[in-house]
Amino acid sequence: MERRQGHIGESRKRAAEAEAKPKCLHEAIENGVVNVADPSLWDRVSELTTLRDQTQADTEHAAKAIERLRPSAGFEPLTFGCGGQKPSPHAIWI
């Protein structure tokens, strides 16, 4: 579980970095630092946007996987028809 949480932390860090890169590039365009007529610029914008979207999807996927692994807060024993009697210590918990 700890390894997965570490993976999510790394994934969130990559997602934040991937989010920042297109913003910096857009700011450079707005400030006139980058030539908008450069054809490779738009390829780079597309690459960065794809990278951002993929890292966000990876982070969400990893977070959902951890949520599925966590036990639910509302444990209830399966008593298999004990008719309201106190559950056995051997009851199966879900």
N, C-alpha and C. Protein backbone atom coordinates (compact mmCIF):
# COMPACT_ATOMS: atom_id res chain seq x y z
N MET A 1 0.84 -1.19 0.00
CA MET A 1 0.00 0.00 0.00
C MET A 1 0.88 1.25 0.00
N GLU A 2 1.94 1.23 0.81
CA GLU A 2 2.83 2.39 0.87
C GLU A 2 3.50 2.63 -0.47
N ARG A 3 3.86 1.54 -1.14
CA ARG A 3 4.50 1.69 -2.45
C ARG A 3 3.55 2.36 -3.43
N ARG A 4 2.29 1.95 -3.38
CA ARG A 4 1.29 2.56 -4.27
C ARG A 4 1.09 4.03 -3.94
N GLN A 5 1.06 4.36 -2.66
CA GLN A 5 0.89 5.76 -2.28
C GLN A 5 2.10 6.58 -2.72
N GLY A 6 3.30 5.98 -2.64
CA GLY A 6 4.49 6.66 -3.15
C GLY A 6 4.39 6.87 -4.65
N HIS A 7 3.83 5.88 -5.34
CA HIS A 7 3.64 5.99 -6.78
C HIS A 7 2.68 7.14 -7.10
N ILE A 8 1.63 7.26 -6.31
CA ILE A 8 0.67 8.35 -6.53
C ILE A 8 1.34 9.69 -6.29
N GLY A 9 2.18 9.78 -5.25
CA GLY A 9 2.89 11.03 -4.99
C GLY A 9 3.79 11.42 -6.15
N GLU A 10 4.52 10.45 -6.68
CA GLU A 10 5.38 10.71 -7.84
C GLU A 10 4.54 11.08 -9.06
N SER A 11 3.43 10.39 -9.23
CA SER A 11 2.55 10.67 -10.36
C SER A 11 1.97 12.08 -10.27
N ARG A 12 1.59 12.49 -9.05
CA ARG A 12 1.06 13.84 -8.88
C ARG A 12 2.14 14.89 -9.15
N LYS A 13 3.37 14.59 -8.77
CA LYS A 13 4.49 15.51 -9.03
C LYS A 13 4.69 15.66 -10.54
N ARG A 14 4.70 14.52 -11.26
CA ARG A 14 4.85 14.57 -12.72
C ARG A 14 3.68 15.32 -13.36
N ALA A 15 2.47 15.11 -12.83
CA ALA A 15 1.29 15.80 -13.37
C ALA A 15 1.41 17.31 -13.17
N ALA A 16 1.90 17.72 -12.00
CA ALA A 16 2.06 19.16 -11.74
C ALA A 16 3.11 19.76 -12.68
N GLU A 17 4.20 19.03 -12.88
CA GLU A 17 5.24 19.51 -13.81
C GLU A 17 4.70 19.57 -15.23
N ALA A 18 3.94 18.55 -15.61
CA ALA A 18 3.37 18.52 -16.96
C ALA A 18 2.33 19.62 -17.14
N GLU A 19 1.66 19.99 -16.07
CA GLU A 19 0.68 21.08 -16.12
C GLU A 19 1.38 22.42 -16.29
N ALA A 20 2.53 22.58 -15.66
CA ALA A 20 3.24 23.86 -15.68
C ALA A 20 3.89 24.14 -17.04
N LYS A 21 4.36 23.11 -17.73
CA LYS A 21 5.09 23.33 -18.99
C LYS A 21 4.25 24.01 -20.06
N PRO A 22 3.03 23.54 -20.35
CA PRO A 22 2.23 24.26 -21.36
C PRO A 22 1.92 25.70 -20.93
N LYS A 23 1.72 25.91 -19.63
CA LYS A 23 1.44 27.26 -19.16
C LYS A 23 2.63 28.18 -19.42
N CYS A 24 3.83 27.68 -19.14
CA CYS A 24 5.03 28.49 -19.38
C CYS A 24 5.18 28.79 -20.87
N LEU A 25 4.91 27.80 -21.69
CA LEU A 25 5.02 28.01 -23.13
C LEU A 25 3.98 29.02 -23.62
N HIS A 26 2.79 28.94 -23.09
CA HIS A 26 1.75 29.90 -23.47
C HIS A 26 2.13 31.31 -23.02
N GLU A 27 2.70 31.43 -21.84
CA GLU A 27 3.16 32.75 -21.36
C GLU A 27 4.26 33.29 -22.26
N ALA A 28 5.16 32.42 -22.70
CA ALA A 28 6.23 32.86 -23.60
C ALA A 28 5.64 33.34 -24.92
N ILE A 29 4.62 32.66 -25.41
CA ILE A 29 3.95 33.09 -26.64
C ILE A 29 3.29 34.45 -26.43
N GLU A 30 2.57 34.60 -25.32
CA GLU A 30 1.88 35.87 -25.03
C GLU A 30 2.85 37.02 -24.86
N ASN A 31 4.04 36.74 -24.32
CA ASN A 31 5.04 37.78 -24.10
C ASN A 31 5.92 38.04 -25.31
N GLY A 32 5.68 37.33 -26.40
CA GLY A 32 6.43 37.53 -27.62
C GLY A 32 7.82 36.93 -27.61
N VAL A 33 8.12 36.08 -26.67
CA VAL A 33 9.43 35.45 -26.57
C VAL A 33 9.58 34.34 -27.60
N VAL A 34 8.48 33.70 -27.95
CA VAL A 34 8.49 32.59 -28.88
C VAL A 34 7.83 33.03 -30.18
N ASN A 35 8.40 32.61 -31.29
CA ASN A 35 7.85 32.95 -32.60
C ASN A 35 6.68 32.01 -32.90
N VAL A 36 5.49 32.56 -33.01
CA VAL A 36 4.29 31.74 -33.25
C VAL A 36 4.26 31.17 -34.67
N ALA A 37 5.10 31.68 -35.56
CA ALA A 37 5.15 31.15 -36.92
C ALA A 37 6.02 29.89 -37.01
N ASP A 38 6.71 29.56 -35.95
CA ASP A 38 7.58 28.38 -35.94
C ASP A 38 6.71 27.12 -35.91
N PRO A 39 6.81 26.27 -36.96
CA PRO A 39 5.96 25.08 -37.00
C PRO A 39 6.24 24.08 -35.87
N SER A 40 7.46 24.03 -35.39
CA SER A 40 7.77 23.09 -34.32
C SER A 40 7.15 23.51 -32.99
N LEU A 41 6.80 24.78 -32.87
CA LEU A 41 6.16 25.27 -31.64
C LEU A 41 4.84 24.55 -31.40
N TRP A 42 4.04 24.43 -32.43
CA TRP A 42 2.72 23.83 -32.27
C TRP A 42 2.81 22.32 -32.05
N ASP A 43 3.86 21.70 -32.61
CA ASP A 43 4.09 20.29 -32.31
C ASP A 43 4.43 20.13 -30.83
N ARG A 44 5.24 21.04 -30.31
CA ARG A 44 5.63 20.98 -28.90
C ARG A 44 4.42 21.23 -27.99
N VAL A 45 3.59 22.18 -28.35
CA VAL A 45 2.38 22.45 -27.57
C VAL A 45 1.52 21.19 -27.52
N SER A 46 1.37 20.54 -28.65
CA SER A 46 0.57 19.31 -28.72
C SER A 46 1.19 18.22 -27.85
N GLU A 47 2.52 18.05 -27.91
CA GLU A 47 3.20 17.04 -27.10
C GLU A 47 2.99 17.31 -25.61
N LEU A 48 3.15 18.56 -25.21
CA LEU A 48 3.01 18.91 -23.79
C LEU A 48 1.58 18.73 -23.30
N THR A 49 0.63 19.05 -24.14
CA THR A 49 -0.77 18.88 -23.77
C THR A 49 -1.10 17.39 -23.62
N THR A 50 -0.60 16.58 -24.54
CA THR A 50 -0.82 15.13 -24.45
C THR A 50 -0.16 14.57 -23.19
N LEU A 51 1.06 15.00 -22.91
CA LEU A 51 1.76 14.56 -21.70
C LEU A 51 0.99 14.94 -20.45
N ARG A 52 0.49 16.17 -20.41
CA ARG A 52 -0.29 16.64 -19.27
C ARG A 52 -1.53 15.78 -19.06
N ASP A 53 -2.26 15.55 -20.14
CA ASP A 53 -3.49 14.77 -20.04
C ASP A 53 -3.21 13.33 -19.61
N GLN A 54 -2.13 12.74 -20.12
CA GLN A 54 -1.80 11.37 -19.77
C GLN A 54 -1.37 11.26 -18.31
N THR A 55 -0.57 12.20 -17.81
CA THR A 55 -0.15 12.12 -16.41
C THR A 55 -1.32 12.33 -15.47
N GLN A 56 -2.25 13.20 -15.85
CA GLN A 56 -3.45 13.38 -15.02
C GLN A 56 -4.28 12.10 -14.98
N ALA A 57 -4.42 11.45 -16.13
CA ALA A 57 -5.19 10.20 -16.19
C ALA A 57 -4.50 9.11 -15.38
N ASP A 58 -3.17 9.03 -15.46
CA ASP A 58 -2.42 8.03 -14.69
C ASP A 58 -2.60 8.25 -13.20
N THR A 59 -2.54 9.51 -12.77
CA THR A 59 -2.70 9.83 -11.35
C THR A 59 -4.09 9.44 -10.86
N GLU A 60 -5.10 9.78 -11.63
CA GLU A 60 -6.48 9.42 -11.26
C GLU A 60 -6.66 7.91 -11.20
N HIS A 61 -6.08 7.20 -12.15
CA HIS A 61 -6.18 5.74 -12.19
C HIS A 61 -5.52 5.13 -10.96
N ALA A 62 -4.33 5.61 -10.60
CA ALA A 62 -3.63 5.07 -9.43
C ALA A 62 -4.39 5.38 -8.14
N ALA A 63 -4.96 6.57 -8.04
CA ALA A 63 -5.73 6.93 -6.84
C ALA A 63 -6.97 6.05 -6.70
N LYS A 64 -7.64 5.78 -7.81
CA LYS A 64 -8.82 4.91 -7.76
C LYS A 64 -8.43 3.49 -7.38
N ALA A 65 -7.26 3.04 -7.84
CA ALA A 65 -6.81 1.69 -7.49
C ALA A 65 -6.58 1.58 -5.99
N ILE A 66 -6.02 2.60 -5.39
CA ILE A 66 -5.79 2.57 -3.93
C ILE A 66 -7.13 2.60 -3.21
N GLU A 67 -8.06 3.38 -3.68
CA GLU A 67 -9.38 3.43 -3.05
C GLU A 67 -10.06 2.06 -3.07
N ARG A 68 -9.88 1.32 -4.16
CA ARG A 68 -10.48 -0.01 -4.25
C ARG A 68 -9.82 -0.97 -3.26
N LEU A 69 -8.55 -0.75 -2.94
CA LEU A 69 -7.84 -1.64 -2.03
C LEU A 69 -8.13 -1.37 -0.56
N ARG A 70 -8.54 -0.15 -0.26
CA ARG A 70 -8.82 0.20 1.14
C ARG A 70 -10.07 -0.52 1.61
N PRO A 71 -10.05 -1.01 2.84
CA PRO A 71 -11.27 -1.62 3.36
C PRO A 71 -12.33 -0.55 3.58
N SER A 72 -13.57 -0.92 3.40
CA SER A 72 -14.65 0.05 3.59
C SER A 72 -14.83 0.33 5.07
N ALA A 73 -15.37 1.49 5.39
CA ALA A 73 -15.56 1.90 6.78
C ALA A 73 -16.71 1.16 7.44
N GLY A 74 -17.67 0.71 6.67
CA GLY A 74 -18.85 0.06 7.24
C GLY A 74 -18.77 -1.44 7.17
N PHE A 75 -17.96 -2.03 8.00
CA PHE A 75 -17.85 -3.49 8.01
C PHE A 75 -19.12 -4.09 8.61
N GLU A 76 -19.63 -5.10 7.95
CA GLU A 76 -20.78 -5.82 8.48
C GLU A 76 -20.50 -7.31 8.33
N PRO A 77 -20.77 -8.06 9.36
CA PRO A 77 -20.50 -9.50 9.25
C PRO A 77 -21.56 -10.21 8.44
N LEU A 78 -21.14 -11.20 7.72
CA LEU A 78 -22.08 -12.12 7.08
C LEU A 78 -22.37 -13.22 8.10
N THR A 79 -23.60 -13.33 8.49
CA THR A 79 -23.91 -14.27 9.56
C THR A 79 -24.61 -15.53 9.05
N PHE A 80 -24.96 -15.60 7.80
CA PHE A 80 -25.56 -16.77 7.19
C PHE A 80 -26.76 -17.29 7.98
N GLY A 81 -27.73 -16.40 8.19
CA GLY A 81 -29.00 -16.80 8.76
C GLY A 81 -28.97 -17.13 10.24
N CYS A 82 -28.24 -16.40 11.02
CA CYS A 82 -28.22 -16.69 12.45
C CYS A 82 -29.39 -16.03 13.15
N GLY A 83 -30.30 -15.38 12.40
CA GLY A 83 -31.54 -14.87 12.97
C GLY A 83 -31.36 -13.80 14.02
N GLY A 84 -30.47 -12.87 13.82
CA GLY A 84 -30.30 -11.76 14.76
C GLY A 84 -29.45 -12.10 15.96
N GLN A 85 -28.91 -13.28 16.00
CA GLN A 85 -28.04 -13.64 17.11
C GLN A 85 -26.71 -12.90 16.99
N LYS A 86 -25.99 -12.88 18.08
CA LYS A 86 -24.67 -12.27 18.09
C LYS A 86 -23.78 -13.02 17.09
N PRO A 87 -23.08 -12.28 16.21
CA PRO A 87 -22.26 -12.96 15.21
C PRO A 87 -21.14 -13.76 15.85
N SER A 88 -20.85 -14.84 15.22
CA SER A 88 -19.76 -15.70 15.66
C SER A 88 -18.43 -15.00 15.46
N PRO A 89 -17.42 -15.26 16.29
CA PRO A 89 -16.11 -14.69 16.04
C PRO A 89 -15.53 -15.18 14.74
N HIS A 90 -16.13 -16.18 14.15
CA HIS A 90 -15.65 -16.73 12.89
C HIS A 90 -16.46 -16.21 11.70
N ALA A 91 -17.27 -15.18 11.92
CA ALA A 91 -18.08 -14.63 10.84
C ALA A 91 -17.17 -14.03 9.78
N ILE A 92 -17.65 -14.01 8.56
CA ILE A 92 -16.90 -13.43 7.44
C ILE A 92 -17.29 -11.98 7.33
N TRP A 93 -16.31 -11.08 7.33
CA TRP A 93 -16.57 -9.64 7.28
C TRP A 93 -16.41 -9.15 5.86
N ILE A 94 -17.36 -8.29 5.43
CA ILE A 94 -17.27 -7.69 4.11
C ILE A 94 -17.25 -6.20 4.23
